[in-house]
């Protein structure tokens, strides 16, 4: 398909500061829920969502778990250096593996107050863990690429143990506040499991164990995928031609059973969040890669889906190609990366509906929403603003059906 020209101004809207939810509600499922189907907008509370989902639906959610990715060090002069973990580099780029490392690790980072951090200077901090003081060191290996080595003086302790004892919850920058005690629990879904995200898959923050019990009684199935959300999700679009925007790469991990569930439930798949939708659609294009002999690596470049015009495989054919590949290599889980860029002109291949929060104006996520709603995206957002919905990560929810 031809890559369409996108006028980013057409996807801007005015978001008043007071509409941004700075704190979570007392109860997760008390958030509002905007329902959009066949052009009709209606309003509910999130605890009513079981009534809105067909009994034979498959709910696909992202089970990534947010790590306390913001580390604060203090120089002898008193200056504070903030190091934000972005992507692992050494000894492995695989997030689950580096989390369990017991020896020095190297990460690509963002560094606050970096001018105060001198070349060759080792920053140190003390971490209290299991009644023992652990010395944590940070060394700036390369200023330009912002690569930092982290080392600690106890090789029985894993890296994830160290950062969980010393790091801060990485709240989105637009909340413009320090994390508080409740954020440690509330900026995490109730089903979070795989540690490695530096931002929460916020569409899932509204779910509770009670809601899942009701969904199960109704016969609604569920399966999980893993996409470790990166800080790039907050990166604003700064280019005239939207297709030139440097999309962030994120790691995905998907089990064989999840792929089988998608095949079985074709036509009734509901994604919980934009991260789940990005994972599912990326899997379709991975199957296309395998069928077209364009490589066996699960790596979806941002504009790969726009290279094809016709004669695409069906969902079943694409996902079956992935299963064949997994059987060939005796894999129960596949791992790879995606930087898929979904914007108007894209045709969904897997997903039939999306549960999601309300997103920032002029963002990649607004473009994704517009691929679902078409021009109605503005009507939906105007309605949400008029009805006093709370926006962004700790805000209210929506259930949007593809036409």
Protein backbone atom coordinates (compact mmCIF):
# COMPACT_ATOMS: atom_id res chain seq x y z
CA UNK A 1 0.00 0.00 0.00
CA UNK A 2 1.14 3.55 -0.59
CA UNK A 3 2.29 5.44 2.49
CA UNK A 4 -0.25 8.23 2.97
CA UNK A 5 0.75 11.80 3.68
CA UNK A 6 -0.45 12.78 7.15
CA UNK A 7 -1.08 16.37 8.25
CA UNK A 8 -0.30 16.18 11.95
CA UNK A 9 -2.30 19.36 12.60
CA UNK A 10 -5.43 17.39 11.76
CA UNK A 11 -4.75 15.22 14.82
CA UNK A 12 -4.23 17.97 17.35
CA UNK A 13 -6.79 18.99 19.93
CA UNK A 14 -6.78 21.23 23.00
CA UNK A 15 -6.23 19.27 26.20
CA UNK A 16 -6.73 21.51 29.25
CA UNK A 17 -4.36 20.79 32.12
CA UNK A 18 -7.26 20.16 34.48
CA UNK A 19 -8.44 17.25 32.29
CA UNK A 20 -5.20 15.32 32.90
CA UNK A 21 -5.63 12.81 35.72
CA UNK A 22 -2.68 13.43 38.02
CA UNK A 23 -3.65 10.68 40.47
CA UNK A 24 -5.55 7.38 40.17
CA UNK A 25 -9.08 6.96 41.44
CA UNK A 26 -9.57 5.19 44.76
CA UNK A 27 -10.90 2.08 43.01
CA UNK A 28 -9.62 0.93 39.63
CA UNK A 29 -12.99 -0.02 38.14
CA UNK A 30 -14.76 3.23 39.09
CA UNK A 31 -13.37 4.98 36.03
CA UNK A 32 -15.70 6.10 33.29
CA UNK A 33 -15.97 4.04 30.11
CA UNK A 34 -16.84 5.59 26.75
CA UNK A 35 -18.32 3.04 24.36
CA UNK A 36 -18.13 3.59 20.59
CA UNK A 37 -19.77 1.22 18.11
CA UNK A 38 -21.17 1.85 14.64
CA UNK A 39 -20.86 5.59 15.12
CA UNK A 40 -22.86 5.59 18.37
CA UNK A 41 -21.26 6.94 21.55
CA UNK A 42 -22.58 5.90 24.95
CA UNK A 43 -21.29 6.17 28.51
CA UNK A 44 -20.76 3.60 31.25
CA UNK A 45 -18.54 2.86 34.23
CA UNK A 46 -15.70 0.43 33.75
CA UNK A 47 -17.15 -2.20 36.07
CA UNK A 48 -19.93 -2.58 33.45
CA UNK A 49 -17.54 -3.72 30.74
CA UNK A 50 -18.55 -7.41 31.03
CA UNK A 51 -22.00 -6.37 29.78
CA UNK A 52 -20.46 -4.80 26.67
CA UNK A 53 -18.30 -7.71 25.52
CA UNK A 54 -19.80 -10.61 23.53
CA UNK A 55 -19.69 -13.93 25.36
CA UNK A 56 -17.39 -15.52 22.76
CA UNK A 57 -14.76 -12.76 22.80
CA UNK A 58 -11.03 -13.23 23.31
CA UNK A 59 -9.44 -10.57 25.50
CA UNK A 60 -5.72 -10.07 24.80
CA UNK A 61 -3.76 -8.14 27.41
CA UNK A 62 -0.13 -7.17 27.96
CA UNK A 63 1.35 -8.76 31.10
CA UNK A 64 4.52 -6.64 31.23
CA UNK A 65 5.50 -5.28 34.64
CA UNK A 66 6.89 -1.80 35.23
CA UNK A 67 10.34 -1.66 36.77
CA UNK A 68 11.49 1.30 38.92
CA UNK A 69 13.59 2.57 36.03
CA UNK A 70 14.49 5.99 37.44
CA UNK A 71 17.71 5.87 39.50
CA UNK A 72 18.94 8.89 41.45
CA UNK A 73 22.62 9.32 42.37
CA UNK A 74 24.20 12.17 44.31
CA UNK A 75 27.68 13.50 43.62
CA UNK A 76 29.99 14.53 46.45
CA UNK A 77 29.22 18.15 45.51
CA UNK A 78 25.56 17.53 46.26
CA UNK A 79 24.41 17.63 42.63
CA UNK A 80 21.84 14.96 41.76
CA UNK A 81 22.16 12.87 38.61
CA UNK A 82 19.03 11.09 37.38
CA UNK A 83 19.52 8.00 35.21
CA UNK A 84 16.51 6.61 33.36
CA UNK A 85 16.87 3.08 31.94
CA UNK A 86 15.90 2.77 28.28
CA UNK A 87 17.30 -0.33 26.56
CA UNK A 88 19.64 -3.08 27.80
CA UNK A 89 22.88 -3.55 25.87
CA UNK A 90 25.21 -5.93 27.77
CA UNK A 91 25.63 -8.74 28.67
CA UNK A 92 22.37 -9.25 26.75
CA UNK A 93 19.69 -7.18 25.07
CA UNK A 94 17.00 -9.60 26.22
CA UNK A 95 15.09 -7.87 29.01
CA UNK A 96 14.06 -10.94 31.09
CA UNK A 97 17.65 -12.18 31.02
CA UNK A 98 19.35 -8.91 31.98
CA UNK A 99 16.94 -8.53 34.89
CA UNK A 100 18.41 -11.70 36.38
CA UNK A 101 22.06 -10.74 35.80
CA UNK A 102 24.29 -10.92 38.88
CA UNK A 103 27.24 -9.11 37.34
CA UNK A 104 27.70 -5.63 35.78
CA UNK A 105 25.17 -4.60 33.15
CA UNK A 106 25.19 -1.87 30.51
CA UNK A 107 22.13 0.13 29.48
CA UNK A 108 21.27 2.89 27.07
CA UNK A 109 19.81 5.62 29.27
CA UNK A 110 18.50 9.14 29.52
CA UNK A 111 20.54 11.25 31.93
CA UNK A 112 19.23 14.23 33.82
CA UNK A 113 21.79 16.89 34.82
CA UNK A 114 24.38 15.07 32.71
CA UNK A 115 26.64 18.13 32.44
CA UNK A 116 27.45 17.68 36.13
CA UNK A 117 28.60 14.11 35.57
CA UNK A 118 32.29 14.23 34.68
CA UNK A 119 33.90 11.76 32.31
CA UNK A 120 35.48 8.92 34.25
CA UNK A 121 33.58 9.76 37.44
CA UNK A 122 31.94 6.81 39.18
CA UNK A 123 28.68 7.58 40.94
CA UNK A 124 27.89 5.51 44.01
CA UNK A 125 24.83 4.79 46.08
CA UNK A 126 23.90 2.53 48.96
CA UNK A 127 21.02 0.07 48.65
CA UNK A 128 19.46 -1.68 51.64
CA UNK A 129 18.46 -5.20 50.64
CA UNK A 130 17.55 -8.13 52.88
CA UNK A 131 19.07 -6.34 55.86
CA UNK A 132 22.33 -5.81 54.02
CA UNK A 133 23.87 -2.67 52.53
CA UNK A 134 24.74 -3.09 48.85
CA UNK A 135 27.06 -0.63 47.10
CA UNK A 136 25.74 0.36 43.65
CA UNK A 137 28.07 2.04 41.15
CA UNK A 138 27.24 3.81 37.88
CA UNK A 139 29.92 4.55 35.27
CA UNK A 140 29.32 6.70 32.20
CA UNK A 141 30.86 4.70 29.36
CA UNK A 142 29.90 6.97 26.48
CA UNK A 143 28.39 10.42 26.85
CA UNK A 144 27.12 10.70 23.28
CA UNK A 145 25.24 7.40 23.28
CA UNK A 146 24.38 7.74 27.01
CA UNK A 147 25.55 4.23 27.82
CA UNK A 148 26.00 3.52 31.50
CA UNK A 149 27.44 0.52 33.32
CA UNK A 150 25.89 -0.53 36.63
CA UNK A 151 27.80 -2.70 39.09
CA UNK A 152 27.11 -3.84 42.66
CA UNK A 153 29.22 -5.60 45.25
CA UNK A 154 27.21 -8.77 45.85
CA UNK A 155 27.06 -11.40 43.10
CA UNK A 156 24.20 -13.22 44.78
CA UNK A 157 21.89 -10.25 44.07
CA UNK A 158 20.17 -9.77 40.69
CA UNK A 159 19.96 -6.49 38.83
CA UNK A 160 16.19 -6.37 39.21
CA UNK A 161 16.58 -6.79 42.98
CA UNK A 162 18.95 -3.82 43.04
CA UNK A 163 16.72 -1.46 41.06
CA UNK A 164 13.57 -2.50 42.89
CA UNK A 165 15.29 -1.57 46.15
CA UNK A 166 16.74 1.71 44.89
CA UNK A 167 14.76 2.98 41.88
CA UNK A 168 11.68 5.19 41.59
CA UNK A 169 8.42 4.47 39.76
CA UNK A 170 8.85 6.01 36.28
CA UNK A 171 5.70 8.12 36.14
CA UNK A 172 4.98 9.79 32.77
CA UNK A 173 6.55 13.25 32.42
CA UNK A 174 3.20 14.94 31.84
CA UNK A 175 2.06 14.10 35.38
CA UNK A 176 4.69 16.59 36.50
CA UNK A 177 4.99 15.20 40.03
CA UNK A 178 7.14 12.93 42.14
CA UNK A 179 5.95 9.34 42.65
CA UNK A 180 4.11 8.63 45.88
CA UNK A 181 3.69 5.41 47.85
CA UNK A 182 0.42 4.43 46.14
CA UNK A 183 2.00 4.69 42.68
CA UNK A 184 4.09 1.58 43.33
CA UNK A 185 0.89 -0.47 43.21
CA UNK A 186 -1.44 1.66 41.09
CA UNK A 187 0.98 2.27 38.20
CA UNK A 188 0.88 -1.48 37.65
CA UNK A 189 -1.87 -3.72 36.28
CA UNK A 190 -3.28 -6.42 38.56
CA UNK A 191 -2.03 -9.01 36.07
CA UNK A 192 1.50 -7.59 35.59
CA UNK A 193 4.05 -10.37 35.61
CA UNK A 194 7.02 -10.02 33.24
CA UNK A 195 9.40 -7.35 34.57
CA UNK A 196 10.86 -4.97 32.03
CA UNK A 197 8.59 -2.04 31.10
CA UNK A 198 9.52 1.57 31.85
CA UNK A 199 5.93 2.73 31.33
CA UNK A 200 2.68 0.99 32.22
CA UNK A 201 0.26 -0.46 29.65
CA UNK A 202 -2.31 1.91 31.12
CA UNK A 203 -5.45 0.53 29.44
CA UNK A 204 -5.17 -2.40 31.82
CA UNK A 205 -5.07 -0.29 34.99
CA UNK A 206 -8.89 -0.37 35.20
CA UNK A 207 -9.19 -4.15 35.49
CA UNK A 208 -9.68 -5.89 38.83
CA UNK A 209 -9.70 -9.54 39.83
CA UNK A 210 -13.46 -9.28 40.35
CA UNK A 211 -13.99 -8.10 36.78
CA UNK A 212 -11.93 -11.01 35.46
CA UNK A 213 -14.06 -13.41 37.49
CA UNK A 214 -17.24 -11.97 35.95
CA UNK A 215 -15.75 -12.17 32.46
CA UNK A 216 -14.80 -15.79 33.01
CA UNK A 217 -18.33 -16.67 34.16
CA UNK A 218 -19.67 -15.06 31.01
CA UNK A 219 -17.41 -17.30 28.91
CA UNK A 220 -15.05 -14.59 27.72
CA UNK A 221 -11.61 -16.04 27.13
CA UNK A 222 -8.33 -14.27 27.74
CA UNK A 223 -4.71 -14.65 26.79
CA UNK A 224 -1.62 -12.60 27.38
CA UNK A 225 1.20 -11.24 25.26
CA UNK A 226 4.24 -9.34 26.50
CA UNK A 227 5.44 -6.02 25.12
CA UNK A 228 7.93 -4.22 27.33
CA UNK A 229 6.79 -0.62 26.99
CA UNK A 230 9.64 1.82 26.36
CA UNK A 231 9.95 5.51 27.13
CA UNK A 232 9.61 6.16 23.42
CA UNK A 233 5.86 5.88 23.85
CA UNK A 234 5.97 9.48 25.17
CA UNK A 235 8.16 10.79 22.37
CA UNK A 236 6.37 13.64 20.54
CA UNK A 237 6.24 13.82 16.76
CA UNK A 238 8.52 16.65 15.65
CA UNK A 239 8.74 16.08 11.89
CA UNK A 240 6.61 17.47 9.07
CA UNK A 241 6.23 14.11 7.38
CA UNK A 242 4.79 11.78 10.02
CA UNK A 243 6.32 8.73 8.34
CA UNK A 244 9.77 10.15 9.17
CA UNK A 245 9.07 9.98 12.91
CA UNK A 246 11.68 7.70 14.55
CA UNK A 247 9.47 5.04 16.11
CA UNK A 248 10.75 3.36 19.26
CA UNK A 249 11.62 -0.32 19.19
CA UNK A 250 10.05 -2.51 21.86
CA UNK A 251 10.64 -6.12 22.82
CA UNK A 252 7.79 -8.58 22.49
CA UNK A 253 7.45 -12.12 23.82
CA UNK A 254 4.52 -14.32 22.75
CA UNK A 255 3.68 -17.90 23.67
CA UNK A 256 2.54 -20.62 21.34
CA UNK A 257 -0.76 -20.91 23.21
CA UNK A 258 -1.49 -17.20 22.67
CA UNK A 259 -0.98 -17.59 18.91
CA UNK A 260 -3.24 -20.63 18.87
CA UNK A 261 -5.91 -18.69 20.78
CA UNK A 262 -5.86 -15.90 18.20
CA UNK A 263 -6.34 -18.38 15.35
CA UNK A 264 -9.23 -20.08 17.16
CA UNK A 265 -10.96 -16.79 17.95
CA UNK A 266 -10.50 -14.94 14.68
CA UNK A 267 -13.08 -12.19 14.26
CA UNK A 268 -13.73 -11.67 17.97
CA UNK A 269 -10.44 -10.35 19.31
CA UNK A 270 -10.39 -7.43 21.74
CA UNK A 271 -7.02 -5.85 22.53
CA UNK A 272 -6.46 -4.33 25.96
CA UNK A 273 -4.37 -1.30 25.13
CA UNK A 274 -2.33 0.02 22.25
CA UNK A 275 0.62 -2.17 23.27
CA UNK A 276 -1.46 -5.30 22.80
CA UNK A 277 -2.76 -4.10 19.46
CA UNK A 278 0.80 -3.31 18.32
CA UNK A 279 1.92 -6.78 19.36
CA UNK A 280 -0.95 -8.61 17.64
CA UNK A 281 -0.65 -6.67 14.40
CA UNK A 282 3.15 -7.13 14.45
CA UNK A 283 2.63 -10.88 14.71
CA UNK A 284 0.51 -10.84 11.55
CA UNK A 285 3.32 -9.10 9.66
CA UNK A 286 5.86 -11.52 11.07
CA UNK A 287 3.81 -14.32 9.54
CA UNK A 288 3.85 -12.41 6.25
CA UNK A 289 7.65 -12.18 6.49
CA UNK A 290 7.90 -15.92 6.93
CA UNK A 291 5.51 -16.66 4.05
CA UNK A 292 7.27 -14.20 1.74
CA UNK A 293 10.73 -15.51 2.75
CA UNK A 294 11.78 -12.08 4.00
CA UNK A 295 13.70 -13.45 6.96
CA UNK A 296 13.05 -15.57 10.02
CA UNK A 297 13.79 -12.90 12.62
CA UNK A 298 10.82 -11.42 14.48
CA UNK A 299 11.67 -7.80 13.78
CA UNK A 300 8.99 -5.50 12.38
CA UNK A 301 10.27 -2.21 11.01
CA UNK A 302 8.01 0.80 11.39
CA UNK A 303 6.78 0.96 7.76
CA UNK A 304 6.98 -2.73 6.84
CA UNK A 305 3.17 -3.13 6.64
CA UNK A 306 2.95 -0.38 4.04
CA UNK A 307 5.13 -2.25 1.56
CA UNK A 308 2.28 -4.58 0.56
CA UNK A 309 -0.65 -3.81 -1.71
CA UNK A 310 -2.57 -7.05 -2.24
CA UNK A 311 -2.50 -10.83 -2.05
CA UNK A 312 -1.92 -10.82 1.69
CA UNK A 313 -2.41 -14.06 3.61
CA UNK A 314 -5.36 -14.51 5.93
CA UNK A 315 -4.92 -14.20 9.67
CA UNK A 316 -4.99 -17.98 9.98
CA UNK A 317 -2.36 -18.46 7.27
CA UNK A 318 -0.08 -15.85 8.79
CA UNK A 319 -0.32 -17.11 12.36
CA UNK A 320 -0.02 -20.73 11.21
CA UNK A 321 3.27 -19.81 9.55
CA UNK A 322 4.50 -18.62 12.94
CA UNK A 323 3.43 -21.88 14.58
CA UNK A 324 5.24 -23.84 11.88
CA UNK A 325 8.37 -21.78 12.54
CA UNK A 326 8.07 -22.41 16.29
CA UNK A 327 7.60 -26.14 15.78
CA UNK A 328 10.63 -26.23 13.49
CA UNK A 329 12.82 -24.68 16.19
CA UNK A 330 11.00 -26.37 19.10
CA UNK A 331 9.98 -23.05 20.67
CA UNK A 332 7.18 -22.46 23.15
CA UNK A 333 7.78 -18.69 23.13
CA UNK A 334 8.97 -16.38 20.38
CA UNK A 335 10.85 -13.18 21.10
CA UNK A 336 11.58 -10.21 18.90
CA UNK A 337 11.14 -6.48 18.45
CA UNK A 338 8.63 -4.20 16.81
CA UNK A 339 8.59 -0.57 15.88
CA UNK A 340 5.35 -0.86 13.89
CA UNK A 341 3.83 2.54 13.13
CA UNK A 342 0.05 2.45 12.84
CA UNK A 343 -1.48 5.57 11.34
CA UNK A 344 -4.44 6.41 9.05
CA UNK A 345 -4.19 4.30 5.92
CA UNK A 346 -3.40 1.16 7.91
CA UNK A 347 -5.86 -1.75 7.76
CA UNK A 348 -6.17 -3.92 10.85
CA UNK A 349 -5.56 -7.60 10.27
CA UNK A 350 -6.13 -9.13 13.71
CA UNK A 351 -8.01 -6.89 16.13
CA UNK A 352 -11.75 -6.16 16.20
CA UNK A 353 -11.96 -3.80 19.17
CA UNK A 354 -9.68 -1.87 21.49
CA UNK A 355 -9.89 -0.95 25.17
CA UNK A 356 -7.78 2.15 25.71
CA UNK A 357 -7.38 5.40 27.64
CA UNK A 358 -7.47 8.89 26.11
CA UNK A 359 -4.19 9.99 24.57
CA UNK A 360 -2.13 13.11 24.03
CA UNK A 361 -2.87 15.39 21.06
CA UNK A 362 -0.65 15.02 18.01
CA UNK A 363 0.85 11.75 19.29
CA UNK A 364 1.51 8.41 17.62
CA UNK A 365 -1.25 6.96 19.78
CA UNK A 366 -3.83 9.47 18.52
CA UNK A 367 -2.90 8.40 15.00
CA UNK A 368 -3.51 4.79 16.02
CA UNK A 369 -6.92 5.72 17.43
CA UNK A 370 -7.77 7.47 14.17
CA UNK A 371 -7.11 4.24 12.28
CA UNK A 372 -9.96 2.72 14.29
CA UNK A 373 -12.42 5.61 14.38
CA UNK A 374 -11.61 7.48 11.18
CA UNK A 375 -12.76 11.09 11.31
CA UNK A 376 -14.97 10.18 14.28
CA UNK A 377 -11.90 10.25 16.53
CA UNK A 378 -12.41 13.99 17.02
CA UNK A 379 -16.11 13.57 17.82
CA UNK A 380 -15.22 10.93 20.42
CA UNK A 381 -12.56 13.12 22.03
CA UNK A 382 -14.75 16.23 21.98
CA UNK A 383 -17.47 14.20 23.66
CA UNK A 384 -15.08 12.88 26.30
CA UNK A 385 -13.90 16.40 27.09
CA UNK A 386 -17.46 17.69 27.29
CA UNK A 387 -18.48 14.80 29.58
CA UNK A 388 -15.55 15.54 31.91
CA UNK A 389 -13.59 12.35 31.26
CA UNK A 390 -10.15 12.16 32.85
CA UNK A 391 -7.31 11.89 30.33
CA UNK A 392 -3.96 10.07 29.92
CA UNK A 393 -2.33 7.35 32.04
CA UNK A 394 -4.41 7.60 35.22
CA UNK A 395 -7.49 8.70 33.31
CA UNK A 396 -10.71 7.06 32.16
CA UNK A 397 -11.22 4.35 29.57
CA UNK A 398 -12.91 3.65 26.26
CA UNK A 399 -14.08 0.61 24.33
CA UNK A 400 -13.76 1.28 20.59
CA UNK A 401 -15.08 -1.10 17.91
CA UNK A 402 -13.71 -1.21 14.39
CA UNK A 403 -16.39 -0.59 11.81
